[in-house]
Amino acid sequence: MAAALRDEGYPVSAFRRGEGPAVDGVRVFHGPDQWSQFLAGIRVLILLAPLTEQTRGIIYDAALSSLGPGGWLVNVGRGGLIDEPAVLRALEDGRLEGASLDVFATEPLPAGHPFWLHPRVRITPHVAAVTRVGPSAQQIARRILALRSGADAGRAVDRSLGY
């Protein structure tokens, strides 16, 4: 996502759990000590993070207050990343200009939830990406064959990290 936005000419910053490789043209922040500094320079915050004990509710009142003027929140990661009442408060008091939400703490989003009628909330139908059947079937087949032959199937879940 960062590379795609960078390639379209947008200034991009990214945040990751720990140190990692540099990304050309992307300012990368990492670790809890840099979280506030990262948020302070963001106008559009796009969440792609997994839901872990460390990321649950990571977007709450203080984080939303740290965003730049006219800030937008886009969540295509996991619903539990955001404190939904905090997002509503930030929308009402003007700290947040708008939100585009694809995922929610409760799925499906209950019929009476305030997000449905809020004029500055855009709701998408939980399809942040469309699965292409052909490439997906090929990927699954390659991994099954790798596992059967005792080879590394790649992209294993690290249970200690939660993803």
N, C-alpha and C. Protein backbone atom coordinates (compact mmCIF):
# COMPACT_ATOMS: atom_id res chain seq x y z
N MET A 1 0.83 -1.19 0.00
CA MET A 1 0.00 0.00 0.00
C MET A 1 0.88 1.25 0.00
N ALA A 2 1.90 1.25 0.86
CA ALA A 2 2.77 2.42 0.92
C ALA A 2 3.45 2.68 -0.41
N ALA A 3 3.96 1.62 -1.04
CA ALA A 3 4.64 1.78 -2.32
C ALA A 3 3.67 2.25 -3.40
N ALA A 4 2.46 1.73 -3.40
CA ALA A 4 1.47 2.13 -4.41
C ALA A 4 1.12 3.62 -4.26
N LEU A 5 0.92 4.07 -3.04
CA LEU A 5 0.60 5.48 -2.81
C LEU A 5 1.80 6.37 -3.15
N ARG A 6 2.98 5.92 -2.76
CA ARG A 6 4.21 6.66 -3.09
C ARG A 6 4.33 6.80 -4.60
N ASP A 7 4.06 5.71 -5.33
CA ASP A 7 4.19 5.74 -6.79
C ASP A 7 3.17 6.67 -7.45
N GLU A 8 2.09 6.97 -6.75
CA GLU A 8 1.09 7.93 -7.25
C GLU A 8 1.45 9.36 -6.89
N GLY A 9 2.56 9.54 -6.18
CA GLY A 9 3.04 10.88 -5.86
C GLY A 9 2.65 11.41 -4.49
N TYR A 10 2.03 10.57 -3.67
CA TYR A 10 1.65 11.00 -2.33
C TYR A 10 2.83 10.90 -1.38
N PRO A 11 2.95 11.85 -0.44
CA PRO A 11 3.96 11.68 0.61
C PRO A 11 3.46 10.59 1.56
N VAL A 12 4.30 9.61 1.85
CA VAL A 12 3.87 8.45 2.62
C VAL A 12 4.79 8.22 3.81
N SER A 13 4.16 7.99 4.96
CA SER A 13 4.85 7.52 6.15
C SER A 13 4.22 6.20 6.54
N ALA A 14 5.01 5.34 7.14
CA ALA A 14 4.51 4.04 7.57
C ALA A 14 4.96 3.77 8.98
N PHE A 15 4.21 2.93 9.66
CA PHE A 15 4.57 2.54 11.03
C PHE A 15 4.60 1.02 11.07
N ARG A 16 5.62 0.50 11.71
CA ARG A 16 5.72 -0.94 11.91
C ARG A 16 6.09 -1.24 13.35
N ARG A 17 5.83 -2.46 13.75
CA ARG A 17 6.06 -2.91 15.12
C ARG A 17 7.52 -2.73 15.53
N GLY A 18 8.43 -3.15 14.70
CA GLY A 18 9.86 -3.07 15.03
C GLY A 18 10.65 -2.61 13.83
N GLU A 19 11.95 -2.57 14.00
CA GLU A 19 12.81 -2.16 12.90
C GLU A 19 12.68 -3.13 11.74
N GLY A 20 12.90 -2.62 10.56
CA GLY A 20 12.83 -3.45 9.36
C GLY A 20 13.55 -2.75 8.24
N PRO A 21 13.47 -3.33 7.06
CA PRO A 21 14.18 -2.73 5.92
C PRO A 21 13.58 -1.37 5.54
N ALA A 22 14.44 -0.52 5.00
CA ALA A 22 13.98 0.78 4.51
C ALA A 22 13.10 0.58 3.29
N VAL A 23 12.21 1.51 3.08
CA VAL A 23 11.35 1.50 1.90
C VAL A 23 11.62 2.80 1.17
N ASP A 24 12.13 2.70 -0.05
CA ASP A 24 12.47 3.90 -0.82
C ASP A 24 11.30 4.86 -0.89
N GLY A 25 11.55 6.12 -0.53
CA GLY A 25 10.54 7.15 -0.65
C GLY A 25 9.46 7.11 0.41
N VAL A 26 9.61 6.26 1.43
CA VAL A 26 8.62 6.16 2.51
C VAL A 26 9.35 6.38 3.83
N ARG A 27 8.84 7.30 4.61
CA ARG A 27 9.40 7.53 5.94
C ARG A 27 8.81 6.49 6.89
N VAL A 28 9.66 5.64 7.45
CA VAL A 28 9.21 4.53 8.27
C VAL A 28 9.51 4.80 9.74
N PHE A 29 8.46 4.70 10.56
CA PHE A 29 8.57 4.81 12.01
C PHE A 29 8.37 3.42 12.59
N HIS A 30 8.92 3.19 13.77
CA HIS A 30 8.74 1.89 14.40
C HIS A 30 8.82 2.00 15.92
N GLY A 31 8.17 1.07 16.56
CA GLY A 31 8.23 0.97 18.01
C GLY A 31 7.36 1.98 18.73
N PRO A 32 7.01 1.66 19.96
CA PRO A 32 6.11 2.52 20.74
C PRO A 32 6.62 3.95 20.93
N ASP A 33 7.93 4.13 20.97
CA ASP A 33 8.48 5.47 21.19
C ASP A 33 8.24 6.40 20.01
N GLN A 34 7.98 5.85 18.83
CA GLN A 34 7.80 6.68 17.65
C GLN A 34 6.34 6.79 17.21
N TRP A 35 5.42 6.16 17.94
CA TRP A 35 4.01 6.16 17.57
C TRP A 35 3.43 7.57 17.49
N SER A 36 3.64 8.38 18.52
CA SER A 36 3.09 9.75 18.54
C SER A 36 3.70 10.61 17.44
N GLN A 37 4.99 10.46 17.22
CA GLN A 37 5.67 11.22 16.17
C GLN A 37 5.10 10.83 14.80
N PHE A 38 4.86 9.56 14.59
CA PHE A 38 4.25 9.09 13.34
C PHE A 38 2.88 9.71 13.13
N LEU A 39 2.02 9.64 14.14
CA LEU A 39 0.65 10.16 14.01
C LEU A 39 0.62 11.65 13.74
N ALA A 40 1.56 12.40 14.32
CA ALA A 40 1.55 13.85 14.20
C ALA A 40 1.70 14.32 12.75
N GLY A 41 2.30 13.52 11.91
CA GLY A 41 2.49 13.94 10.53
C GLY A 41 1.47 13.36 9.56
N ILE A 42 0.46 12.69 10.07
CA ILE A 42 -0.48 11.98 9.21
C ILE A 42 -1.76 12.77 9.00
N ARG A 43 -2.21 12.85 7.76
CA ARG A 43 -3.51 13.44 7.47
C ARG A 43 -4.53 12.36 7.15
N VAL A 44 -4.09 11.31 6.46
CA VAL A 44 -4.96 10.17 6.17
C VAL A 44 -4.28 8.94 6.77
N LEU A 45 -4.91 8.37 7.76
CA LEU A 45 -4.36 7.20 8.45
C LEU A 45 -5.06 5.95 7.91
N ILE A 46 -4.29 5.09 7.25
CA ILE A 46 -4.82 3.84 6.69
C ILE A 46 -4.34 2.70 7.57
N LEU A 47 -5.28 1.97 8.15
CA LEU A 47 -4.94 0.86 9.04
C LEU A 47 -4.98 -0.46 8.28
N LEU A 48 -3.86 -1.18 8.33
CA LEU A 48 -3.74 -2.48 7.69
C LEU A 48 -3.23 -3.52 8.68
N ALA A 49 -3.16 -3.17 9.93
CA ALA A 49 -2.51 -4.01 10.96
C ALA A 49 -3.35 -5.23 11.34
N PRO A 50 -2.66 -6.26 11.82
CA PRO A 50 -3.38 -7.41 12.38
C PRO A 50 -3.92 -7.03 13.76
N LEU A 51 -4.89 -7.78 14.24
CA LEU A 51 -5.43 -7.55 15.58
C LEU A 51 -4.68 -8.44 16.57
N THR A 52 -3.90 -7.82 17.43
CA THR A 52 -3.17 -8.53 18.48
C THR A 52 -3.43 -7.81 19.80
N GLU A 53 -2.90 -8.34 20.86
CA GLU A 53 -3.06 -7.66 22.15
C GLU A 53 -2.41 -6.27 22.12
N GLN A 54 -1.35 -6.10 21.34
CA GLN A 54 -0.68 -4.80 21.25
C GLN A 54 -1.42 -3.81 20.36
N THR A 55 -2.22 -4.30 19.40
CA THR A 55 -2.88 -3.38 18.48
C THR A 55 -4.36 -3.15 18.79
N ARG A 56 -4.93 -3.97 19.65
CA ARG A 56 -6.35 -3.79 19.99
C ARG A 56 -6.58 -2.40 20.57
N GLY A 57 -7.50 -1.65 19.95
CA GLY A 57 -7.84 -0.31 20.43
C GLY A 57 -6.74 0.72 20.26
N ILE A 58 -5.81 0.48 19.35
CA ILE A 58 -4.66 1.39 19.19
C ILE A 58 -5.10 2.78 18.71
N ILE A 59 -6.26 2.84 18.07
CA ILE A 59 -6.79 4.14 17.64
C ILE A 59 -7.89 4.55 18.61
N TYR A 60 -7.54 5.43 19.52
CA TYR A 60 -8.44 5.91 20.57
C TYR A 60 -8.35 7.43 20.60
N ASP A 61 -8.95 8.07 21.59
CA ASP A 61 -9.04 9.54 21.63
C ASP A 61 -7.70 10.24 21.40
N ALA A 62 -6.67 9.85 22.15
CA ALA A 62 -5.38 10.55 22.03
C ALA A 62 -4.77 10.37 20.64
N ALA A 63 -4.87 9.17 20.09
CA ALA A 63 -4.32 8.93 18.75
C ALA A 63 -5.05 9.78 17.71
N LEU A 64 -6.37 9.86 17.81
CA LEU A 64 -7.15 10.66 16.87
C LEU A 64 -6.85 12.15 17.01
N SER A 65 -6.58 12.58 18.23
CA SER A 65 -6.24 13.99 18.47
C SER A 65 -4.88 14.34 17.89
N SER A 66 -4.03 13.35 17.69
CA SER A 66 -2.68 13.58 17.17
C SER A 66 -2.64 13.77 15.66
N LEU A 67 -3.68 13.35 14.96
CA LEU A 67 -3.68 13.46 13.50
C LEU A 67 -3.69 14.93 13.08
N GLY A 68 -3.21 15.18 11.88
CA GLY A 68 -3.18 16.54 11.36
C GLY A 68 -4.58 17.06 11.10
N PRO A 69 -4.72 18.37 10.89
CA PRO A 69 -6.02 18.98 10.61
C PRO A 69 -6.67 18.34 9.38
N GLY A 70 -7.97 18.15 9.44
CA GLY A 70 -8.69 17.54 8.33
C GLY A 70 -8.43 16.06 8.19
N GLY A 71 -8.03 15.43 9.28
CA GLY A 71 -7.63 14.03 9.23
C GLY A 71 -8.75 13.07 8.85
N TRP A 72 -8.36 12.01 8.16
CA TRP A 72 -9.26 10.93 7.78
C TRP A 72 -8.72 9.63 8.32
N LEU A 73 -9.62 8.75 8.67
CA LEU A 73 -9.28 7.40 9.13
C LEU A 73 -9.84 6.41 8.12
N VAL A 74 -8.99 5.49 7.66
CA VAL A 74 -9.41 4.40 6.77
C VAL A 74 -9.01 3.11 7.47
N ASN A 75 -9.99 2.26 7.76
CA ASN A 75 -9.67 0.98 8.41
C ASN A 75 -10.09 -0.17 7.51
N VAL A 76 -9.07 -0.82 6.94
CA VAL A 76 -9.28 -2.04 6.17
C VAL A 76 -8.53 -3.20 6.81
N GLY A 77 -8.08 -2.99 8.05
CA GLY A 77 -7.35 -4.03 8.78
C GLY A 77 -8.29 -4.91 9.56
N ARG A 78 -8.49 -4.58 10.82
CA ARG A 78 -9.37 -5.33 11.72
C ARG A 78 -10.20 -4.32 12.52
N GLY A 79 -11.46 -4.68 12.77
CA GLY A 79 -12.36 -3.78 13.48
C GLY A 79 -11.89 -3.40 14.87
N GLY A 80 -11.27 -4.35 15.55
CA GLY A 80 -10.84 -4.12 16.93
C GLY A 80 -9.66 -3.16 17.07
N LEU A 81 -9.10 -2.70 15.96
CA LEU A 81 -8.01 -1.73 16.02
C LEU A 81 -8.48 -0.38 16.52
N ILE A 82 -9.76 -0.06 16.27
CA ILE A 82 -10.24 1.27 16.63
C ILE A 82 -11.23 1.20 17.79
N ASP A 83 -11.20 2.24 18.57
CA ASP A 83 -12.19 2.45 19.62
C ASP A 83 -13.33 3.20 18.94
N GLU A 84 -14.39 2.49 18.60
CA GLU A 84 -15.48 3.09 17.80
C GLU A 84 -16.11 4.31 18.46
N PRO A 85 -16.40 4.31 19.78
CA PRO A 85 -16.93 5.53 20.40
C PRO A 85 -15.96 6.71 20.28
N ALA A 86 -14.64 6.44 20.34
CA ALA A 86 -13.66 7.52 20.20
C ALA A 86 -13.70 8.10 18.79
N VAL A 87 -13.90 7.25 17.78
CA VAL A 87 -14.00 7.73 16.41
C VAL A 87 -15.24 8.62 16.26
N LEU A 88 -16.35 8.20 16.83
CA LEU A 88 -17.57 9.02 16.76
C LEU A 88 -17.37 10.36 17.46
N ARG A 89 -16.72 10.36 18.62
CA ARG A 89 -16.45 11.63 19.33
C ARG A 89 -15.57 12.54 18.47
N ALA A 90 -14.53 11.96 17.85
CA ALA A 90 -13.61 12.77 17.04
C ALA A 90 -14.32 13.33 15.80
N LEU A 91 -15.25 12.59 15.24
CA LEU A 91 -16.03 13.10 14.12
C LEU A 91 -16.94 14.24 14.56
N GLU A 92 -17.56 14.09 15.72
CA GLU A 92 -18.50 15.10 16.22
C GLU A 92 -17.81 16.39 16.63
N ASP A 93 -16.62 16.28 17.23
CA ASP A 93 -15.97 17.51 17.70
C ASP A 93 -14.98 18.09 16.69
N GLY A 94 -14.91 17.49 15.49
CA GLY A 94 -14.11 18.06 14.42
C GLY A 94 -12.65 17.64 14.39
N ARG A 95 -12.21 16.81 15.31
CA ARG A 95 -10.82 16.34 15.25
C ARG A 95 -10.59 15.43 14.05
N LEU A 96 -11.65 14.81 13.57
CA LEU A 96 -11.58 13.89 12.45
C LEU A 96 -12.57 14.37 11.39
N GLU A 97 -12.10 14.55 10.17
CA GLU A 97 -12.96 15.02 9.09
C GLU A 97 -13.88 13.91 8.59
N GLY A 98 -13.36 12.70 8.54
CA GLY A 98 -14.18 11.60 8.06
C GLY A 98 -13.51 10.27 8.29
N ALA A 99 -14.27 9.21 8.03
CA ALA A 99 -13.76 7.85 8.20
C ALA A 99 -14.34 6.95 7.12
N SER A 100 -13.49 6.12 6.55
CA SER A 100 -13.91 5.08 5.61
C SER A 100 -13.61 3.76 6.30
N LEU A 101 -14.67 2.99 6.56
CA LEU A 101 -14.52 1.80 7.39
C LEU A 101 -15.00 0.56 6.66
N ASP A 102 -14.16 -0.45 6.64
CA ASP A 102 -14.46 -1.72 5.97
C ASP A 102 -14.69 -2.83 6.99
N VAL A 103 -14.23 -2.62 8.21
CA VAL A 103 -14.31 -3.63 9.27
C VAL A 103 -14.74 -2.99 10.58
N PHE A 104 -15.34 -3.80 11.44
CA PHE A 104 -15.92 -3.27 12.67
C PHE A 104 -15.69 -4.23 13.83
N ALA A 105 -15.83 -3.73 15.04
CA ALA A 105 -15.66 -4.57 16.22
C ALA A 105 -16.66 -5.70 16.22
N THR A 106 -17.89 -5.43 15.79
CA THR A 106 -18.92 -6.45 15.66
C THR A 106 -19.25 -6.58 14.18
N GLU A 107 -19.11 -7.79 13.66
CA GLU A 107 -19.42 -8.07 12.25
C GLU A 107 -20.60 -9.02 12.18
N PRO A 108 -21.57 -8.76 11.34
CA PRO A 108 -21.71 -7.52 10.58
C PRO A 108 -22.07 -6.35 11.51
N LEU A 109 -21.85 -5.16 11.01
CA LEU A 109 -22.16 -3.96 11.78
C LEU A 109 -23.66 -3.96 12.10
N PRO A 110 -24.01 -3.88 13.39
CA PRO A 110 -25.44 -3.92 13.76
C PRO A 110 -26.26 -2.82 13.08
N ALA A 111 -27.48 -3.12 12.78
CA ALA A 111 -28.37 -2.20 12.06
C ALA A 111 -28.50 -0.84 12.74
N GLY A 112 -28.51 -0.77 14.04
CA GLY A 112 -28.69 0.50 14.73
C GLY A 112 -27.41 1.25 15.05
N HIS A 113 -26.27 0.79 14.56
CA HIS A 113 -24.99 1.43 14.88
C HIS A 113 -24.94 2.84 14.29
N PRO A 114 -24.43 3.82 15.06
CA PRO A 114 -24.37 5.22 14.59
C PRO A 114 -23.54 5.42 13.31
N PHE A 115 -22.61 4.52 13.02
CA PHE A 115 -21.83 4.67 11.79
C PHE A 115 -22.72 4.66 10.54
N TRP A 116 -23.80 3.88 10.56
CA TRP A 116 -24.65 3.75 9.39
C TRP A 116 -25.21 5.10 8.91
N LEU A 117 -25.55 5.96 9.82
CA LEU A 117 -26.21 7.22 9.44
C LEU A 117 -25.31 8.44 9.54
N HIS A 118 -24.07 8.24 9.98
CA HIS A 118 -23.19 9.41 10.16
C HIS A 118 -22.81 9.97 8.79
N PRO A 119 -22.99 11.28 8.60
CA PRO A 119 -22.73 11.88 7.28
C PRO A 119 -21.26 11.87 6.86
N ARG A 120 -20.33 11.66 7.79
CA ARG A 120 -18.91 11.67 7.43
C ARG A 120 -18.25 10.30 7.57
N VAL A 121 -19.08 9.26 7.57
CA VAL A 121 -18.57 7.89 7.60
C VAL A 121 -18.96 7.20 6.31
N ARG A 122 -17.99 6.60 5.68
CA ARG A 122 -18.22 5.79 4.48
C ARG A 122 -18.01 4.34 4.89
N ILE A 123 -18.99 3.50 4.61
CA ILE A 123 -18.92 2.09 4.96
C ILE A 123 -18.78 1.28 3.67
N THR A 124 -17.79 0.41 3.66
CA THR A 124 -17.62 -0.50 2.52
C THR A 124 -17.98 -1.91 2.99
N PRO A 125 -18.33 -2.79 2.06
CA PRO A 125 -18.91 -4.09 2.42
C PRO A 125 -17.91 -5.19 2.79
N HIS A 126 -16.89 -4.84 3.57
CA HIS A 126 -15.92 -5.82 4.06
C HIS A 126 -15.27 -6.60 2.92
N VAL A 127 -14.91 -5.88 1.91
CA VAL A 127 -14.19 -6.47 0.77
C VAL A 127 -13.05 -5.53 0.37
N ALA A 128 -12.13 -5.32 1.29
CA ALA A 128 -11.02 -4.43 1.02
C ALA A 128 -10.24 -4.87 -0.22
N ALA A 129 -10.29 -6.15 -0.51
CA ALA A 129 -9.66 -6.66 -1.73
C ALA A 129 -10.50 -7.83 -2.23
N VAL A 130 -10.60 -7.93 -3.52
CA VAL A 130 -11.33 -9.04 -4.14
C VAL A 130 -10.35 -10.17 -4.41
N THR A 131 -10.69 -11.36 -3.97
CA THR A 131 -9.83 -12.51 -4.20
C THR A 131 -9.96 -12.96 -5.65
N ARG A 132 -8.84 -13.03 -6.33
CA ARG A 132 -8.82 -13.53 -7.70
C ARG A 132 -8.65 -15.04 -7.64
N VAL A 133 -9.62 -15.77 -8.12
CA VAL A 133 -9.67 -17.21 -7.94
C VAL A 133 -8.47 -17.93 -8.54
N GLY A 134 -8.12 -17.62 -9.78
CA GLY A 134 -7.02 -18.33 -10.45
C GLY A 134 -5.70 -18.24 -9.69
N PRO A 135 -5.19 -17.01 -9.44
CA PRO A 135 -3.93 -16.88 -8.70
C PRO A 135 -4.02 -17.46 -7.29
N SER A 136 -5.16 -17.33 -6.63
CA SER A 136 -5.30 -17.86 -5.28
C SER A 136 -5.23 -19.38 -5.28
N ALA A 137 -5.90 -20.02 -6.24
CA ALA A 137 -5.86 -21.49 -6.33
C ALA A 137 -4.44 -21.96 -6.61
N GLN A 138 -3.71 -21.25 -7.47
CA GLN A 138 -2.33 -21.63 -7.76
C GLN A 138 -1.46 -21.50 -6.52
N GLN A 139 -1.65 -20.43 -5.76
CA GLN A 139 -0.88 -20.23 -4.53
C GLN A 139 -1.15 -21.34 -3.53
N ILE A 140 -2.40 -21.71 -3.34
CA ILE A 140 -2.76 -22.77 -2.41
C ILE A 140 -2.16 -24.10 -2.87
N ALA A 141 -2.26 -24.38 -4.17
CA ALA A 141 -1.70 -25.63 -4.70
C ALA A 141 -0.19 -25.69 -4.48
N ARG A 142 0.53 -24.59 -4.74
CA ARG A 142 1.99 -24.56 -4.51
C ARG A 142 2.32 -24.85 -3.06
N ARG A 143 1.54 -24.28 -2.15
CA ARG A 143 1.83 -24.48 -0.72
C ARG A 143 1.51 -25.90 -0.27
N ILE A 144 0.46 -26.48 -0.80
CA ILE A 144 0.14 -27.87 -0.46
C ILE A 144 1.26 -28.78 -0.95
N LEU A 145 1.73 -28.56 -2.17
CA LEU A 145 2.82 -29.37 -2.71
C LEU A 145 4.09 -29.20 -1.89
N ALA A 146 4.38 -27.97 -1.48
CA ALA A 146 5.56 -27.73 -0.65
C ALA A 146 5.45 -28.47 0.68
N LEU A 147 4.30 -28.40 1.33
CA LEU A 147 4.12 -29.10 2.60
C LEU A 147 4.26 -30.61 2.43
N ARG A 148 3.69 -31.16 1.36
CA ARG A 148 3.77 -32.61 1.11
C ARG A 148 5.21 -33.06 0.89
N SER A 149 6.01 -32.20 0.30
CA SER A 149 7.41 -32.58 0.03
C SER A 149 8.33 -32.23 1.19
N GLY A 150 7.79 -31.65 2.24
CA GLY A 150 8.61 -31.28 3.40
C GLY A 150 9.30 -29.95 3.27
N ALA A 151 9.00 -29.21 2.22
CA ALA A 151 9.61 -27.90 2.01
C ALA A 151 8.86 -26.83 2.79
N ASP A 152 9.47 -25.68 2.89
CA ASP A 152 8.85 -24.54 3.57
C ASP A 152 7.75 -23.98 2.67
N ALA A 153 6.53 -23.90 3.19
CA ALA A 153 5.41 -23.37 2.41
C ALA A 153 5.38 -21.85 2.43
N GLY A 154 6.19 -21.23 3.28
CA GLY A 154 6.27 -19.77 3.33
C GLY A 154 5.11 -19.14 4.08
N ARG A 155 5.35 -17.91 4.53
CA ARG A 155 4.34 -17.07 5.18
C ARG A 155 3.61 -17.78 6.32
N ALA A 156 4.36 -18.46 7.16
CA ALA A 156 3.76 -19.14 8.30
C ALA A 156 3.34 -18.15 9.37
N VAL A 157 2.35 -18.51 10.13
CA VAL A 157 1.90 -17.68 11.25
C VAL A 157 2.90 -17.83 12.38
N ASP A 158 3.32 -16.71 12.95
CA ASP A 158 4.17 -16.71 14.14
C ASP A 158 3.25 -16.58 15.33
N ARG A 159 2.98 -17.68 15.99
CA ARG A 159 2.00 -17.67 17.09
C ARG A 159 2.40 -16.75 18.23
N SER A 160 3.70 -16.49 18.41
CA SER A 160 4.12 -15.58 19.47
C SER A 160 3.72 -14.14 19.15
N LEU A 161 3.62 -13.81 17.85
CA LEU A 161 3.20 -12.47 17.44
C LEU A 161 1.68 -12.36 17.28
N GLY A 162 1.03 -13.48 17.04
CA GLY A 162 -0.42 -13.47 16.86
C GLY A 162 -0.86 -13.31 15.42
N TYR A 163 0.07 -13.40 14.48
CA TYR A 163 -0.27 -13.31 13.05
C TYR A 163 0.81 -13.97 12.22
